[in-house]
Amino acid sequence: MIENITAFSKGMYTEGTSHGHKVIIDEPASMGGTDKGANPLATLLISLAGCENAIANFVAKEINFDLQGIDFEVSGDIDPRGMMGKRESARISRKSL
C-alpha cells in the first residue's frame, strides 16, 4: 500500500491532506509559528500512538479478542536550540523518543 499526501507550507505552518483529511502542523509563536496546529514532534508522537492502536486492533481482531480501547502516554525530547540558530550549545542527536 502506498500513501500519497499533498502538503502546502508557509513559514512554520504546514497543511497536509490525505484522502480528504486535513492535518495542520505548526510551531508555537515562541518558535516562530502561528500555533494553528500541533508541533512536528507532537504530530510524530500522535502518529506513533495511532500506528500502535491500529496494529493492536488488527491483532485483536485476528485472535478474536474484544479490545475495548487503549490509553497511550508517549513522550519525546527535542532540543530547540539547534533550530533557533544556537547550534553550538544544542545536542546533536535526540536524547529520547
PDB file of N, CA and C in Angstrom:
ATOM      1  N   MET A   1       0.844  -1.167   0.000  1.00  0.00           N
ATOM      2  CA  MET A   1       0.000   0.000   0.000  1.00  0.00           C
ATOM      3  C   MET A   1       0.899   1.244   0.000  1.00  0.00           C
ATOM      4  N   ILE A   2       0.614   2.145  -0.866  1.00  0.00           N
ATOM      5  CA  ILE A   2       1.359   3.403  -0.943  1.00  0.00           C
ATOM      6  C   ILE A   2       0.432   4.528  -0.517  1.00  0.00           C
ATOM      7  N   GLU A   3       0.926   5.347   0.384  1.00  0.00           N
ATOM      8  CA  GLU A   3       0.156   6.509   0.857  1.00  0.00           C
ATOM      9  C   GLU A   3       0.704   7.748   0.174  1.00  0.00           C
ATOM     10  N   ASN A   4      -0.167   8.518  -0.418  1.00  0.00           N
ATOM     11  CA  ASN A   4       0.221   9.773  -1.048  1.00  0.00           C
ATOM     12  C   ASN A   4      -0.488  10.926  -0.353  1.00  0.00           C
ATOM     13  N   ILE A   5       0.255  11.962  -0.063  1.00  0.00           N
ATOM     14  CA  ILE A   5      -0.320  13.159   0.546  1.00  0.00           C
ATOM     15  C   ILE A   5       0.061  14.364  -0.295  1.00  0.00           C
ATOM     16  N   THR A   6      -0.680  15.429  -0.118  1.00  0.00           N
ATOM     17  CA  THR A   6      -0.282  16.720  -0.662  1.00  0.00           C
ATOM     18  C   THR A   6      -0.100  17.645   0.526  1.00  0.00           C
ATOM     19  N   ALA A   7       0.814  18.585   0.403  1.00  0.00           N
ATOM     20  CA  ALA A   7       1.064  19.499   1.515  1.00  0.00           C
ATOM     21  C   ALA A   7       1.445  20.867   0.986  1.00  0.00           C
ATOM     22  N   PHE A   8       1.099  21.867   1.777  1.00  0.00           N
ATOM     23  CA  PHE A   8       1.442  23.251   1.498  1.00  0.00           C
ATOM     24  C   PHE A   8       2.066  23.816   2.756  1.00  0.00           C
ATOM     25  N   SER A   9       3.171  24.508   2.613  1.00  0.00           N
ATOM     26  CA  SER A   9       3.835  25.103   3.774  1.00  0.00           C
ATOM     27  C   SER A   9       4.091  26.578   3.551  1.00  0.00           C
ATOM     28  N   LYS A  10       3.962  27.329   4.636  1.00  0.00           N
ATOM     29  CA  LYS A  10       4.307  28.742   4.635  1.00  0.00           C
ATOM     30  C   LYS A  10       4.852  29.059   6.013  1.00  0.00           C
ATOM     31  N   GLY A  11       6.113  29.461   6.060  1.00  0.00           N
ATOM     32  CA  GLY A  11       6.756  29.661   7.348  1.00  0.00           C
ATOM     33  C   GLY A  11       6.813  28.331   8.080  1.00  0.00           C
ATOM     34  N   MET A  12       6.426  28.310   9.330  1.00  0.00           N
ATOM     35  CA  MET A  12       6.417  27.089  10.136  1.00  0.00           C
ATOM     36  C   MET A  12       5.129  26.281   9.966  1.00  0.00           C
ATOM     37  N   TYR A  13       4.150  26.853   9.288  1.00  0.00           N
ATOM     38  CA  TYR A  13       2.835  26.232   9.097  1.00  0.00           C
ATOM     39  C   TYR A  13       2.877  25.251   7.932  1.00  0.00           C
ATOM     40  N   THR A  14       2.380  24.035   8.149  1.00  0.00           N
ATOM     41  CA  THR A  14       2.224  23.052   7.080  1.00  0.00           C
ATOM     42  C   THR A  14       0.830  22.473   7.163  1.00  0.00           C
ATOM     43  N   GLU A  15       0.171  22.408   6.029  1.00  0.00           N
ATOM     44  CA  GLU A  15      -1.153  21.808   5.939  1.00  0.00           C
ATOM     45  C   GLU A  15      -1.072  20.657   4.948  1.00  0.00           C
ATOM     46  N   GLY A  16      -1.319  19.455   5.435  1.00  0.00           N
ATOM     47  CA  GLY A  16      -1.270  18.271   4.589  1.00  0.00           C
ATOM     48  C   GLY A  16      -2.646  17.656   4.455  1.00  0.00           C
ATOM     49  N   THR A  17      -2.883  17.009   3.316  1.00  0.00           N
ATOM     50  CA  THR A  17      -4.166  16.363   3.061  1.00  0.00           C
ATOM     51  C   THR A  17      -3.935  14.941   2.583  1.00  0.00           C
ATOM     52  N   SER A  18      -4.719  14.021   3.146  1.00  0.00           N
ATOM     53  CA  SER A  18      -4.693  12.623   2.737  1.00  0.00           C
ATOM     54  C   SER A  18      -6.122  12.102   2.716  1.00  0.00           C
ATOM     55  N   HIS A  19      -6.567  11.669   1.568  1.00  0.00           N
ATOM     56  CA  HIS A  19      -7.915  11.099   1.420  1.00  0.00           C
ATOM     57  C   HIS A  19      -8.991  12.027   1.988  1.00  0.00           C
ATOM     58  N   GLY A  20      -8.831  13.314   1.752  1.00  0.00           N
ATOM     59  CA  GLY A  20      -9.818  14.287   2.199  1.00  0.00           C
ATOM     60  C   GLY A  20      -9.682  14.715   3.651  1.00  0.00           C
ATOM     61  N   HIS A  21      -8.697  14.176   4.369  1.00  0.00           N
ATOM     62  CA  HIS A  21      -8.476  14.551   5.767  1.00  0.00           C
ATOM     63  C   HIS A  21      -7.322  15.537   5.844  1.00  0.00           C
ATOM     64  N   LYS A  22      -7.540  16.629   6.577  1.00  0.00           N
ATOM     65  CA  LYS A  22      -6.530  17.669   6.689  1.00  0.00           C
ATOM     66  C   LYS A  22      -5.785  17.549   8.017  1.00  0.00           C
ATOM     67  N   VAL A  23      -4.458  17.689   7.962  1.00  0.00           N
ATOM     68  CA  VAL A  23      -3.618  17.714   9.150  1.00  0.00           C
ATOM     69  C   VAL A  23      -2.831  19.017   9.118  1.00  0.00           C
ATOM     70  N   ILE A  24      -2.864  19.749  10.220  1.00  0.00           N
ATOM     71  CA  ILE A  24      -2.128  21.007  10.312  1.00  0.00           C
ATOM     72  C   ILE A  24      -1.003  20.841  11.329  1.00  0.00           C
ATOM     73  N   ILE A  25       0.189  21.194  10.906  1.00  0.00           N
ATOM     74  CA  ILE A  25       1.370  21.156  11.764  1.00  0.00           C
ATOM     75  C   ILE A  25       1.933  22.568  11.814  1.00  0.00           C
ATOM     76  N   ASP A  26       2.237  23.038  13.000  1.00  0.00           N
ATOM     77  CA  ASP A  26       2.747  24.394  13.165  1.00  0.00           C
ATOM     78  C   ASP A  26       3.599  24.434  14.432  1.00  0.00           C
ATOM     79  N   GLU A  27       4.296  25.497  14.602  1.00  0.00           N
ATOM     80  CA  GLU A  27       5.062  25.737  15.818  1.00  0.00           C
ATOM     81  C   GLU A  27       4.356  26.821  16.620  1.00  0.00           C
ATOM     82  N   PRO A  28       4.556  26.846  17.935  1.00  0.00           N
ATOM     83  CA  PRO A  28       4.006  27.955  18.721  1.00  0.00           C
ATOM     84  C   PRO A  28       4.693  29.261  18.347  1.00  0.00           C
ATOM     85  N   ALA A  29       4.087  30.360  18.729  1.00  0.00           N
ATOM     86  CA  ALA A  29       4.650  31.677  18.409  1.00  0.00           C
ATOM     87  C   ALA A  29       6.078  31.822  18.932  1.00  0.00           C
ATOM     88  N   SER A  30       6.379  31.221  20.071  1.00  0.00           N
ATOM     89  CA  SER A  30       7.723  31.326  20.647  1.00  0.00           C
ATOM     90  C   SER A  30       8.789  30.657  19.787  1.00  0.00           C
ATOM     91  N   MET A  31       8.347  29.799  18.861  1.00  0.00           N
ATOM     92  CA  MET A  31       9.274  29.127  17.945  1.00  0.00           C
ATOM     93  C   MET A  31       9.137  29.658  16.516  1.00  0.00           C
ATOM     94  N   GLY A  32       8.426  30.762  16.357  1.00  0.00           N
ATOM     95  CA  GLY A  32       8.294  31.386  15.049  1.00  0.00           C
ATOM     96  C   GLY A  32       7.081  30.967  14.253  1.00  0.00           C
ATOM     97  N   GLY A  33       6.187  30.199  14.861  1.00  0.00           N
ATOM     98  CA  GLY A  33       4.985  29.752  14.160  1.00  0.00           C
ATOM     99  C   GLY A  33       3.777  30.580  14.514  1.00  0.00           C
ATOM    100  N   THR A  34       2.610  30.068  14.121  1.00  0.00           N
ATOM    101  CA  THR A  34       1.346  30.753  14.412  1.00  0.00           C
ATOM    102  C   THR A  34       0.461  29.934  15.344  1.00  0.00           C
ATOM    103  N   ASP A  35       0.937  28.791  15.806  1.00  0.00           N
ATOM    104  CA  ASP A  35       0.246  27.931  16.770  1.00  0.00           C
ATOM    105  C   ASP A  35      -1.133  27.498  16.284  1.00  0.00           C
ATOM    106  N   LYS A  36      -1.257  27.225  14.983  1.00  0.00           N
ATOM    107  CA  LYS A  36      -2.542  26.791  14.427  1.00  0.00           C
ATOM    108  C   LYS A  36      -2.676  25.274  14.380  1.00  0.00           C
ATOM    109  N   GLY A  37      -1.653  24.566  14.837  1.00  0.00           N
ATOM    110  CA  GLY A  37      -1.703  23.106  14.865  1.00  0.00           C
ATOM    111  C   GLY A  37      -0.656  22.576  15.814  1.00  0.00           C
ATOM    112  N   ALA A  38      -0.671  21.272  16.000  1.00  0.00           N
ATOM    113  CA  ALA A  38       0.328  20.634  16.854  1.00  0.00           C
ATOM    114  C   ALA A  38       1.707  20.797  16.227  1.00  0.00           C
ATOM    115  N   ASN A  39       2.744  20.822  17.064  1.00  0.00           N
ATOM    116  CA  ASN A  39       4.094  20.960  16.528  1.00  0.00           C
ATOM    117  C   ASN A  39       4.541  19.639  15.887  1.00  0.00           C
ATOM    118  N   PRO A  40       5.611  19.659  15.091  1.00  0.00           N
ATOM    119  CA  PRO A  40       6.031  18.445  14.387  1.00  0.00           C
ATOM    120  C   PRO A  40       6.322  17.255  15.301  1.00  0.00           C
ATOM    121  N   LEU A  41       6.978  17.479  16.448  1.00  0.00           N
ATOM    122  CA  LEU A  41       7.271  16.367  17.349  1.00  0.00           C
ATOM    123  C   LEU A  41       5.984  15.782  17.915  1.00  0.00           C
ATOM    124  N   ALA A  42       5.052  16.627  18.333  1.00  0.00           N
ATOM    125  CA  ALA A  42       3.771  16.130  18.849  1.00  0.00           C
ATOM    126  C   ALA A  42       3.033  15.338  17.775  1.00  0.00           C
ATOM    127  N   THR A  43       3.075  15.833  16.540  1.00  0.00           N
ATOM    128  CA  THR A  43       2.412  15.136  15.438  1.00  0.00           C
ATOM    129  C   THR A  43       3.028  13.762  15.221  1.00  0.00           C
ATOM    130  N   LEU A  44       4.351  13.683  15.295  1.00  0.00           N
ATOM    131  CA  LEU A  44       5.037  12.397  15.167  1.00  0.00           C
ATOM    132  C   LEU A  44       4.609  11.446  16.280  1.00  0.00           C
ATOM    133  N   LEU A  45       4.567  11.929  17.508  1.00  0.00           N
ATOM    134  CA  LEU A  45       4.207  11.082  18.639  1.00  0.00           C
ATOM    135  C   LEU A  45       2.756  10.611  18.546  1.00  0.00           C
ATOM    136  N   ILE A  46       1.867  11.492  18.108  1.00  0.00           N
ATOM    137  CA  ILE A  46       0.468  11.103  17.901  1.00  0.00           C
ATOM    138  C   ILE A  46       0.385  10.034  16.816  1.00  0.00           C
ATOM    139  N   SER A  47       1.184  10.185  15.762  1.00  0.00           N
ATOM    140  CA  SER A  47       1.210   9.187  14.686  1.00  0.00           C
ATOM    141  C   SER A  47       1.674   7.829  15.195  1.00  0.00           C
ATOM    142  N   LEU A  48       2.682   7.832  16.070  1.00  0.00           N
ATOM    143  CA  LEU A  48       3.155   6.574  16.654  1.00  0.00           C
ATOM    144  C   LEU A  48       2.046   5.905  17.466  1.00  0.00           C
ATOM    145  N   ALA A  49       1.328   6.681  18.263  1.00  0.00           N
ATOM    146  CA  ALA A  49       0.216   6.127  19.042  1.00  0.00           C
ATOM    147  C   ALA A  49      -0.864   5.581  18.107  1.00  0.00           C
ATOM    148  N   GLY A  50      -1.143   6.306  17.043  1.00  0.00           N
ATOM    149  CA  GLY A  50      -2.144   5.849  16.076  1.00  0.00           C
ATOM    150  C   GLY A  50      -1.739   4.549  15.396  1.00  0.00           C
ATOM    151  N   CYS A  51      -0.453   4.422  15.055  1.00  0.00           N
ATOM    152  CA  CYS A  51       0.040   3.182  14.447  1.00  0.00           C
ATOM    153  C   CYS A  51      -0.054   2.015  15.424  1.00  0.00           C
ATOM    154  N   GLU A  52       0.352   2.251  16.674  1.00  0.00           N
ATOM    155  CA  GLU A  52       0.259   1.198  17.691  1.00  0.00           C
ATOM    156  C   GLU A  52      -1.189   0.770  17.894  1.00  0.00           C
ATOM    157  N   ASN A  53      -2.101   1.728  17.907  1.00  0.00           N
ATOM    158  CA  ASN A  53      -3.513   1.417  18.060  1.00  0.00           C
ATOM    159  C   ASN A  53      -4.027   0.568  16.900  1.00  0.00           C
ATOM    160  N   ALA A  54      -3.675   0.955  15.677  1.00  0.00           N
ATOM    161  CA  ALA A  54      -4.123   0.189  14.517  1.00  0.00           C
ATOM    162  C   ALA A  54      -3.604  -1.238  14.570  1.00  0.00           C
ATOM    163  N   ILE A  55      -2.320  -1.409  14.885  1.00  0.00           N
ATOM    164  CA  ILE A  55      -1.737  -2.752  14.960  1.00  0.00           C
ATOM    165  C   ILE A  55      -2.420  -3.569  16.054  1.00  0.00           C
ATOM    166  N   ALA A  56      -2.622  -2.970  17.223  1.00  0.00           N
ATOM    167  CA  ALA A  56      -3.288  -3.684  18.317  1.00  0.00           C
ATOM    168  C   ALA A  56      -4.682  -4.132  17.909  1.00  0.00           C
ATOM    169  N   ASN A  57      -5.417  -3.282  17.201  1.00  0.00           N
ATOM    170  CA  ASN A  57      -6.761  -3.653  16.768  1.00  0.00           C
ATOM    171  C   ASN A  57      -6.743  -4.728  15.702  1.00  0.00           C
ATOM    172  N   PHE A  58      -5.763  -4.682  14.776  1.00  0.00           N
ATOM    173  CA  PHE A  58      -5.634  -5.752  13.776  1.00  0.00           C
ATOM    174  C   PHE A  58      -5.356  -7.086  14.456  1.00  0.00           C
ATOM    175  N   VAL A  59      -4.431  -7.090  15.418  1.00  0.00           N
ATOM    176  CA  VAL A  59      -4.088  -8.318  16.140  1.00  0.00           C
ATOM    177  C   VAL A  59      -5.276  -8.808  16.952  1.00  0.00           C
ATOM    178  N   ALA A  60      -5.950  -7.897  17.656  1.00  0.00           N
ATOM    179  CA  ALA A  60      -7.112  -8.280  18.456  1.00  0.00           C
ATOM    180  C   ALA A  60      -8.176  -8.947  17.593  1.00  0.00           C
ATOM    181  N   LYS A  61      -8.415  -8.397  16.430  1.00  0.00           N
ATOM    182  CA  LYS A  61      -9.403  -8.983  15.520  1.00  0.00           C
ATOM    183  C   LYS A  61      -8.945 -10.358  15.062  1.00  0.00           C
ATOM    184  N   GLU A  62      -7.660 -10.482  14.751  1.00  0.00           N
ATOM    185  CA  GLU A  62      -7.106 -11.756  14.279  1.00  0.00           C
ATOM    186  C   GLU A  62      -7.232 -12.868  15.322  1.00  0.00           C
ATOM    187  N   ILE A  63      -7.067 -12.522  16.598  1.00  0.00           N
ATOM    188  CA  ILE A  63      -7.134 -13.548  17.654  1.00  0.00           C
ATOM    189  C   ILE A  63      -8.498 -13.546  18.357  1.00  0.00           C
ATOM    190  N   ASN A  64      -9.441 -12.813  17.778  1.00  0.00           N
ATOM    191  CA  ASN A  64     -10.802 -12.764  18.292  1.00  0.00           C
ATOM    192  C   ASN A  64     -10.847 -12.249  19.740  1.00  0.00           C
ATOM    193  N   PHE A  65     -10.105 -11.178  19.994  1.00  0.00           N
ATOM    194  CA  PHE A  65     -10.036 -10.554  21.308  1.00  0.00           C
ATOM    195  C   PHE A  65     -10.855  -9.275  21.283  1.00  0.00           C
ATOM    196  N   ASP A  66     -11.691  -9.082  22.276  1.00  0.00           N
ATOM    197  CA  ASP A  66     -12.559  -7.901  22.347  1.00  0.00           C
ATOM    198  C   ASP A  66     -11.787  -6.728  22.961  1.00  0.00           C
ATOM    199  N   LEU A  67     -11.036  -6.024  22.146  1.00  0.00           N
ATOM    200  CA  LEU A  67     -10.256  -4.874  22.613  1.00  0.00           C
ATOM    201  C   LEU A  67     -11.192  -3.682  22.766  1.00  0.00           C
ATOM    202  N   GLN A  68     -11.329  -3.188  23.983  1.00  0.00           N
ATOM    203  CA  GLN A  68     -12.260  -2.101  24.275  1.00  0.00           C
ATOM    204  C   GLN A  68     -11.654  -0.722  24.080  1.00  0.00           C
ATOM    205  N   GLY A  69     -10.337  -0.629  24.098  1.00  0.00           N
ATOM    206  CA  GLY A  69      -9.677   0.663  23.938  1.00  0.00           C
ATOM    207  C   GLY A  69      -8.280   0.605  24.530  1.00  0.00           C
ATOM    208  N   ILE A  70      -7.495   1.598  24.214  1.00  0.00           N
ATOM    209  CA  ILE A  70      -6.126   1.693  24.709  1.00  0.00           C
ATOM    210  C   ILE A  70      -5.857   3.147  25.075  1.00  0.00           C
ATOM    211  N   ASP A  71      -5.194   3.358  26.191  1.00  0.00           N
ATOM    212  CA  ASP A  71      -4.727   4.694  26.558  1.00  0.00           C
ATOM    213  C   ASP A  71      -3.229   4.749  26.318  1.00  0.00           C
ATOM    214  N   PHE A  72      -2.760   5.814  25.716  1.00  0.00           N
ATOM    215  CA  PHE A  72      -1.346   5.971  25.407  1.00  0.00           C
ATOM    216  C   PHE A  72      -0.764   7.169  26.139  1.00  0.00           C
ATOM    217  N   GLU A  73       0.465   7.038  26.561  1.00  0.00           N
ATOM    218  CA  GLU A  73       1.274   8.156  27.021  1.00  0.00           C
ATOM    219  C   GLU A  73       2.596   8.035  26.283  1.00  0.00           C
ATOM    220  N   VAL A  74       2.851   8.953  25.377  1.00  0.00           N
ATOM    221  CA  VAL A  74       4.055   8.923  24.556  1.00  0.00           C
ATOM    222  C   VAL A  74       4.756  10.253  24.745  1.00  0.00           C
ATOM    223  N   SER A  75       6.064  10.225  24.942  1.00  0.00           N
ATOM    224  CA  SER A  75       6.784  11.481  25.102  1.00  0.00           C
ATOM    225  C   SER A  75       8.048  11.466  24.260  1.00  0.00           C
ATOM    226  N   GLY A  76       8.474  12.636  23.882  1.00  0.00           N
ATOM    227  CA  GLY A  76       9.697  12.804  23.117  1.00  0.00           C
ATOM    228  C   GLY A  76      10.434  14.022  23.638  1.00  0.00           C
ATOM    229  N   ASP A  77      11.715  14.062  23.393  1.00  0.00           N
ATOM    230  CA  ASP A  77      12.553  15.149  23.882  1.00  0.00           C
ATOM    231  C   ASP A  77      13.311  15.733  22.702  1.00  0.00           C
ATOM    232  N   ILE A  78      13.241  17.031  22.539  1.00  0.00           N
ATOM    233  CA  ILE A  78      13.960  17.700  21.457  1.00  0.00           C
ATOM    234  C   ILE A  78      14.601  18.964  22.025  1.00  0.00           C
ATOM    235  N   ASP A  79      15.763  19.287  21.529  1.00  0.00           N
ATOM    236  CA  ASP A  79      16.461  20.497  21.972  1.00  0.00           C
ATOM    237  C   ASP A  79      16.237  21.577  20.916  1.00  0.00           C
ATOM    238  N   PRO A  80      15.348  22.537  21.168  1.00  0.00           N
ATOM    239  CA  PRO A  80      15.007  23.534  20.149  1.00  0.00           C
ATOM    240  C   PRO A  80      16.126  24.524  19.847  1.00  0.00           C
ATOM    241  N   ARG A  81      17.190  24.539  20.665  1.00  0.00           N
ATOM    242  CA  ARG A  81      18.271  25.496  20.408  1.00  0.00           C
ATOM    243  C   ARG A  81      18.899  25.281  19.031  1.00  0.00           C
ATOM    244  N   GLY A  82      18.949  24.042  18.581  1.00  0.00           N
ATOM    245  CA  GLY A  82      19.513  23.755  17.262  1.00  0.00           C
ATOM    246  C   GLY A  82      18.693  24.350  16.132  1.00  0.00           C
ATOM    247  N   MET A  83      17.397  24.484  16.347  1.00  0.00           N
ATOM    248  CA  MET A  83      16.516  25.067  15.330  1.00  0.00           C
ATOM    249  C   MET A  83      16.486  26.579  15.412  1.00  0.00           C
ATOM    250  N   MET A  84      16.958  27.127  16.519  1.00  0.00           N
ATOM    251  CA  MET A  84      16.884  28.565  16.739  1.00  0.00           C
ATOM    252  C   MET A  84      18.227  29.265  16.497  1.00  0.00           C
ATOM    253  N   GLY A  85      19.136  28.597  15.773  1.00  0.00           N
ATOM    254  CA  GLY A  85      20.413  29.213  15.434  1.00  0.00           C
ATOM    255  C   GLY A  85      21.446  29.175  16.543  1.00  0.00           C
ATOM    256  N   LYS A  86      21.237  28.347  17.549  1.00  0.00           N
ATOM    257  CA  LYS A  86      22.178  28.242  18.666  1.00  0.00           C
ATOM    258  C   LYS A  86      22.806  26.847  18.660  1.00  0.00           C
ATOM    259  N   ARG A  87      23.256  26.428  17.512  1.00  0.00           N
ATOM    260  CA  ARG A  87      23.743  25.064  17.314  1.00  0.00           C
ATOM    261  C   ARG A  87      24.919  24.687  18.214  1.00  0.00           C
ATOM    262  N   GLU A  88      25.785  25.636  18.529  1.00  0.00           N
ATOM    263  CA  GLU A  88      26.963  25.307  19.331  1.00  0.00           C
ATOM    264  C   GLU A  88      26.587  24.815  20.727  1.00  0.00           C
ATOM    265  N   SER A  89      25.415  25.203  21.223  1.00  0.00           N
ATOM    266  CA  SER A  89      25.013  24.779  22.555  1.00  0.00           C
ATOM    267  C   SER A  89      23.962  23.666  22.525  1.00  0.00           C
ATOM    268  N   ALA A  90      23.550  23.249  21.336  1.00  0.00           N
ATOM    269  CA  ALA A  90      22.478  22.259  21.216  1.00  0.00           C
ATOM    270  C   ALA A  90      23.044  20.848  21.113  1.00  0.00           C
ATOM    271  N   ARG A  91      22.258  19.900  21.612  1.00  0.00           N
ATOM    272  CA  ARG A  91      22.584  18.490  21.417  1.00  0.00           C
ATOM    273  C   ARG A  91      22.524  18.174  19.932  1.00  0.00           C
ATOM    274  N   ILE A  92      23.373  17.290  19.467  1.00  0.00           N
ATOM    275  CA  ILE A  92      23.378  16.913  18.064  1.00  0.00           C
ATOM    276  C   ILE A  92      22.317  15.864  17.772  1.00  0.00           C
ATOM    277  N   SER A  93      22.160  14.907  18.640  1.00  0.00           N
ATOM    278  CA  SER A  93      21.198  13.825  18.399  1.00  0.00           C
ATOM    279  C   SER A  93      20.073  13.895  19.405  1.00  0.00           C
ATOM    280  N   ARG A  94      19.009  13.163  19.110  1.00  0.00           N
ATOM    281  CA  ARG A  94      17.887  13.125  20.040  1.00  0.00           C
ATOM    282  C   ARG A  94      18.316  12.404  21.305  1.00  0.00           C
ATOM    283  N   LYS A  95      17.748  12.811  22.420  1.00  0.00           N
ATOM    284  CA  LYS A  95      18.059  12.196  23.691  1.00  0.00           C
ATOM    285  C   LYS A  95      17.160  10.991  23.917  1.00  0.00           C
ATOM    286  N   SER A  96      15.885  11.148  23.620  1.00  0.00           N
ATOM    287  CA  SER A  96      14.960  10.043  23.818  1.00  0.00           C
ATOM    288  C   SER A  96      13.726  10.239  22.954  1.00  0.00           C
ATOM    289  N   LEU A  97      13.055   9.152  22.713  1.00  0.00           N
ATOM    290  CA  LEU A  97      11.807   9.168  21.969  1.00  0.00           C
ATOM    291  C   LEU A  97      10.999   7.973  22.405  1.00  0.00           C
TER     292      LEU A  97
END
